[in-house]
């Protein structure tokens, strides 16, 4: 719902948050049900990032090869959204480090 405390941080069909712009082409969805489309040039697949996020204790779901889906509980707080974004950033960093090793 638009009046949810997390809505200002992740509005539906919002522009990609600045910290994710090098890796994600867009964030789309409805309310708190979101999908983040990964840029092909980032070299990260959704399943790979999903596994990296799980290691950070952030549950996500791949929705195709390059879309990572977020389905937070309706009781998520703004602080928890901030924490999830930090975990997502660490997951992306881990994926990029793995790609650099290959």
Protein backbone atom coordinates (compact mmCIF):
# COMPACT_ATOMS: atom_id res chain seq x y z
CA UNK A 1 0.00 0.00 0.00
CA UNK A 2 1.29 3.47 -0.83
CA UNK A 3 0.92 4.66 2.75
CA UNK A 4 3.21 1.88 4.03
CA UNK A 5 6.36 3.21 5.77
CA UNK A 6 8.62 1.50 3.22
CA UNK A 7 6.78 2.97 0.23
CA UNK A 8 8.91 6.16 0.01
CA UNK A 9 12.06 4.05 -0.28
CA UNK A 10 10.78 1.62 -2.90
CA UNK A 11 7.84 3.11 -4.78
CA UNK A 12 6.18 0.99 -7.48
CA UNK A 13 7.78 1.30 -10.91
CA UNK A 14 10.39 3.62 -9.43
CA UNK A 15 13.64 4.61 -11.04
CA UNK A 16 16.45 2.31 -10.05
CA UNK A 17 17.98 3.38 -6.70
CA UNK A 18 21.33 5.14 -7.31
CA UNK A 19 23.42 2.49 -5.55
CA UNK A 20 21.99 -0.21 -7.83
CA UNK A 21 22.22 1.70 -11.13
CA UNK A 22 25.50 0.13 -12.30
CA UNK A 23 23.92 -3.33 -12.02
CA UNK A 24 20.16 -2.96 -12.46
CA UNK A 25 18.32 -1.53 -15.43
CA UNK A 26 15.03 -1.06 -13.60
CA UNK A 27 12.96 -1.84 -10.56
CA UNK A 28 9.37 -2.66 -11.34
CA UNK A 29 6.40 -4.00 -9.50
CA UNK A 30 3.36 -3.08 -7.52
CA UNK A 31 3.44 -1.93 -3.93
CA UNK A 32 6.06 -3.95 -2.08
CA UNK A 33 6.10 -6.78 -4.67
CA UNK A 34 9.14 -5.81 -6.70
CA UNK A 35 11.40 -7.17 -9.39
CA UNK A 36 14.86 -5.83 -10.11
CA UNK A 37 16.07 -6.40 -13.67
CA UNK A 38 19.82 -6.94 -13.85
CA UNK A 39 21.76 -5.37 -16.70
CA UNK A 40 23.30 -7.98 -19.03
CA UNK A 41 26.62 -6.11 -18.97
CA UNK A 42 26.74 -6.49 -15.17
CA UNK A 43 27.44 -10.19 -15.73
CA UNK A 44 25.25 -11.27 -12.80
CA UNK A 45 22.47 -13.81 -13.16
CA UNK A 46 19.42 -13.70 -10.89
CA UNK A 47 20.05 -17.18 -9.43
CA UNK A 48 23.65 -16.23 -8.60
CA UNK A 49 22.55 -13.04 -6.85
CA UNK A 50 19.75 -14.89 -5.08
CA UNK A 51 22.33 -17.30 -3.61
CA UNK A 52 24.61 -14.41 -2.59
CA UNK A 53 21.68 -12.65 -0.92
CA UNK A 54 20.78 -15.84 0.93
CA UNK A 55 24.32 -15.92 2.35
CA UNK A 56 23.54 -12.41 3.69
CA UNK A 57 20.26 -13.74 5.20
CA UNK A 58 18.15 -11.91 2.63
CA UNK A 59 15.53 -14.09 0.97
CA UNK A 60 14.84 -13.30 -2.66
CA UNK A 61 13.48 -15.28 -5.61
CA UNK A 62 14.84 -15.42 -9.15
CA UNK A 63 12.13 -14.56 -11.68
CA UNK A 64 13.83 -15.47 -14.92
CA UNK A 65 17.50 -15.21 -15.83
CA UNK A 66 17.97 -11.54 -15.00
CA UNK A 67 15.15 -10.55 -12.63
CA UNK A 68 15.42 -10.80 -8.87
CA UNK A 69 12.08 -10.70 -7.05
CA UNK A 70 11.49 -9.21 -3.61
CA UNK A 71 8.39 -10.14 -1.63
CA UNK A 72 8.73 -8.56 1.83
CA UNK A 73 6.12 -9.07 4.51
CA UNK A 74 3.47 -6.38 4.79
CA UNK A 75 4.77 -5.55 8.28
CA UNK A 76 8.26 -4.62 7.01
CA UNK A 77 9.62 -1.44 8.56
CA UNK A 78 11.60 1.29 6.85
CA UNK A 79 14.67 0.23 8.86
CA UNK A 80 14.27 -3.34 7.60
CA UNK A 81 14.07 -2.09 4.01
CA UNK A 82 17.30 -0.15 4.56
CA UNK A 83 18.90 -3.30 6.00
CA UNK A 84 17.69 -5.35 3.01
CA UNK A 85 19.19 -2.83 0.58
CA UNK A 86 22.52 -3.04 2.42
CA UNK A 87 22.41 -6.86 2.22
CA UNK A 88 21.53 -6.65 -1.47
CA UNK A 89 24.51 -4.36 -2.03
CA UNK A 90 26.79 -6.86 -0.26
CA UNK A 91 25.34 -9.67 -2.38
CA UNK A 92 26.07 -7.72 -5.57
CA UNK A 93 29.59 -7.00 -4.34
CA UNK A 94 30.14 -10.72 -3.69
CA UNK A 95 28.88 -11.62 -7.17
CA UNK A 96 31.17 -9.04 -8.77
CA UNK A 97 34.13 -10.38 -6.77
CA UNK A 98 33.33 -13.93 -7.93
CA UNK A 99 33.14 -12.74 -11.53
CA UNK A 100 36.51 -11.00 -11.21
CA UNK A 101 38.09 -14.28 -10.02
CA UNK A 102 36.81 -16.16 -13.06
